[in-house]
């Protein structure tokens, strides 16, 4: 086996030539739970119905199994990219979920703040304003629910 074949296999995370759709789904579910937390994933799965089941399967296999399992970026870097993309497109509900995920992935509040400051320049000041409000609300919810 050539070096590129070995590196290619390692580079592809859960998506391997011999991987089944179930293998990729299972790997994606592990990462999804680690990043978003069991409570969020359990709520999403409980809300599945015949209409949304295929969508939930797709995001678990493709986003979480196909992309988030790849070793080319750290989870912190993937969170930074994801936060930026969500700000750029104004997806505030998803941003709130991924602010929590970024904390789970080891980003600090200060690092999240720096990412949001960067979005003010490259996404827009109004978008960053909404992003800061969203993150502030997430932090307040976390603080209110944490034992002191």
Protein backbone atom coordinates (compact mmCIF):
# COMPACT_ATOMS: atom_id res chain seq x y z
CA UNK A 1 0.00 0.00 0.00
CA UNK A 2 1.37 3.42 -0.95
CA UNK A 3 1.89 6.26 1.51
CA UNK A 4 -0.93 8.22 -0.12
CA UNK A 5 -3.30 5.28 0.32
CA UNK A 6 -2.38 4.97 4.00
CA UNK A 7 -2.59 8.73 4.56
CA UNK A 8 -5.82 8.92 2.57
CA UNK A 9 -7.46 6.26 4.74
CA UNK A 10 -6.34 7.97 7.93
CA UNK A 11 -7.42 11.32 6.55
CA UNK A 12 -10.97 10.13 5.88
CA UNK A 13 -12.05 9.44 9.46
CA UNK A 14 -15.01 7.05 9.60
CA UNK A 15 -15.49 7.08 5.83
CA UNK A 16 -13.35 4.12 4.77
CA UNK A 17 -13.59 1.94 1.67
CA UNK A 18 -14.90 -0.97 3.72
CA UNK A 19 -17.16 1.09 6.01
CA UNK A 20 -20.87 0.46 5.85
CA UNK A 21 -23.45 3.20 6.13
CA UNK A 22 -24.13 1.85 9.63
CA UNK A 23 -20.41 2.11 10.56
CA UNK A 24 -20.36 5.74 9.47
CA UNK A 25 -23.66 6.45 11.25
CA UNK A 26 -22.38 4.84 14.47
CA UNK A 27 -19.12 6.81 14.38
CA UNK A 28 -21.10 9.97 13.66
CA UNK A 29 -23.44 9.33 16.56
CA UNK A 30 -20.49 8.96 18.94
CA UNK A 31 -19.07 12.31 17.84
CA UNK A 32 -22.48 13.98 17.77
CA UNK A 33 -23.09 12.93 21.37
CA UNK A 34 -19.60 14.01 22.47
CA UNK A 35 -19.94 17.41 20.84
CA UNK A 36 -23.61 18.27 21.40
CA UNK A 37 -24.27 16.23 24.53
CA UNK A 38 -26.56 13.28 25.14
CA UNK A 39 -29.50 15.45 26.19
CA UNK A 40 -29.56 17.37 22.90
CA UNK A 41 -29.18 14.25 20.76
CA UNK A 42 -31.82 12.40 22.79
CA UNK A 43 -34.25 15.30 22.27
CA UNK A 44 -33.54 15.35 18.53
CA UNK A 45 -34.05 11.59 18.28
CA UNK A 46 -37.24 11.72 20.34
CA UNK A 47 -38.63 14.38 18.01
CA UNK A 48 -37.97 12.28 14.89
CA UNK A 49 -40.97 11.21 12.88
CA UNK A 50 -41.49 9.72 9.44
CA UNK A 51 -40.95 13.16 7.89
CA UNK A 52 -37.64 13.99 9.66
CA UNK A 53 -36.11 10.54 10.16
CA UNK A 54 -34.17 10.58 6.87
CA UNK A 55 -32.84 14.05 7.65
CA UNK A 56 -31.61 13.01 11.11
CA UNK A 57 -29.96 9.95 9.58
CA UNK A 58 -28.29 12.09 6.90
CA UNK A 59 -26.82 14.66 9.29
CA UNK A 60 -25.55 11.95 11.61
CA UNK A 61 -23.89 10.03 8.76
CA UNK A 62 -22.66 12.89 6.59
CA UNK A 63 -22.00 15.83 8.92
CA UNK A 64 -21.00 13.95 12.06
CA UNK A 65 -19.72 10.67 10.58
CA UNK A 66 -18.29 11.98 7.34
CA UNK A 67 -16.85 15.34 8.41
CA UNK A 68 -16.50 15.59 12.19
CA UNK A 69 -14.65 12.23 12.43
CA UNK A 70 -11.91 13.41 10.07
CA UNK A 71 -8.60 13.98 11.87
CA UNK A 72 -7.46 16.94 9.71
CA UNK A 73 -8.84 19.58 12.09
CA UNK A 74 -9.17 19.57 15.85
CA UNK A 75 -12.66 19.73 17.27
CA UNK A 76 -11.86 23.23 18.53
CA UNK A 77 -11.01 24.33 14.98
CA UNK A 78 -14.15 22.66 13.61
CA UNK A 79 -16.16 24.55 16.22
CA UNK A 80 -14.52 27.85 15.26
CA UNK A 81 -15.33 27.27 11.59
CA UNK A 82 -18.88 26.20 12.42
CA UNK A 83 -19.53 29.25 14.62
CA UNK A 84 -18.29 31.53 11.86
CA UNK A 85 -20.44 29.86 9.19
CA UNK A 86 -23.53 30.07 11.37
CA UNK A 87 -22.93 33.77 12.05
CA UNK A 88 -22.33 34.41 8.34
CA UNK A 89 -25.68 32.87 7.46
CA UNK A 90 -27.65 34.18 10.45
CA UNK A 91 -28.60 30.80 11.90
CA UNK A 92 -29.02 31.94 15.51
CA UNK A 93 -30.73 28.85 16.94
CA UNK A 94 -27.99 26.63 15.51
CA UNK A 95 -25.40 29.14 16.73
CA UNK A 96 -26.68 28.77 20.30
CA UNK A 97 -26.37 24.98 20.03
CA UNK A 98 -22.84 25.26 18.63
CA UNK A 99 -21.72 27.78 21.27
CA UNK A 100 -22.52 25.04 23.79
CA UNK A 101 -20.75 22.51 21.56
CA UNK A 102 -17.69 24.77 21.30
CA UNK A 103 -17.46 24.83 25.09
CA UNK A 104 -17.79 21.01 25.11
CA UNK A 105 -14.97 20.89 22.55
CA UNK A 106 -12.68 22.87 24.82
CA UNK A 107 -13.01 26.42 23.52
CA UNK A 108 -13.11 29.01 26.28
CA UNK A 109 -15.59 31.85 26.47
CA UNK A 110 -12.74 34.22 25.63
CA UNK A 111 -11.91 32.20 22.50
CA UNK A 112 -15.56 32.25 21.47
CA UNK A 113 -15.57 36.02 22.03
CA UNK A 114 -12.52 36.38 19.77
CA UNK A 115 -14.21 34.28 17.06
CA UNK A 116 -17.28 36.51 17.26
CA UNK A 117 -15.14 39.65 17.11
CA UNK A 118 -13.56 38.26 13.93
CA UNK A 119 -17.03 37.71 12.46
CA UNK A 120 -17.79 41.41 12.91
CA UNK A 121 -15.14 42.15 10.30
CA UNK A 122 -15.76 39.31 7.85
CA UNK A 123 -19.50 38.64 8.26
CA UNK A 124 -20.85 42.05 9.35
CA UNK A 125 -21.24 44.08 12.51
CA UNK A 126 -25.02 43.46 12.65
CA UNK A 127 -24.42 39.69 12.39
CA UNK A 128 -21.81 39.80 15.13
CA UNK A 129 -24.18 41.86 17.27
CA UNK A 130 -26.79 39.10 17.03
CA UNK A 131 -24.11 36.47 17.62
CA UNK A 132 -22.90 38.18 20.80
CA UNK A 133 -26.48 38.37 22.08
CA UNK A 134 -26.98 34.69 21.30
CA UNK A 135 -23.75 33.64 23.02
CA UNK A 136 -24.47 35.90 26.00
CA UNK A 137 -27.85 34.20 26.43
CA UNK A 138 -26.24 30.73 26.22
CA UNK A 139 -23.64 31.68 28.83
CA UNK A 140 -26.34 33.07 31.14
CA UNK A 141 -28.35 29.83 30.81
CA UNK A 142 -25.26 27.75 31.57
CA UNK A 143 -24.41 29.92 34.58
CA UNK A 144 -27.97 29.80 35.88
CA UNK A 145 -28.00 26.01 35.71
CA UNK A 146 -24.55 25.36 37.15
CA UNK A 147 -24.13 24.72 40.86
CA UNK A 148 -22.10 27.45 42.55
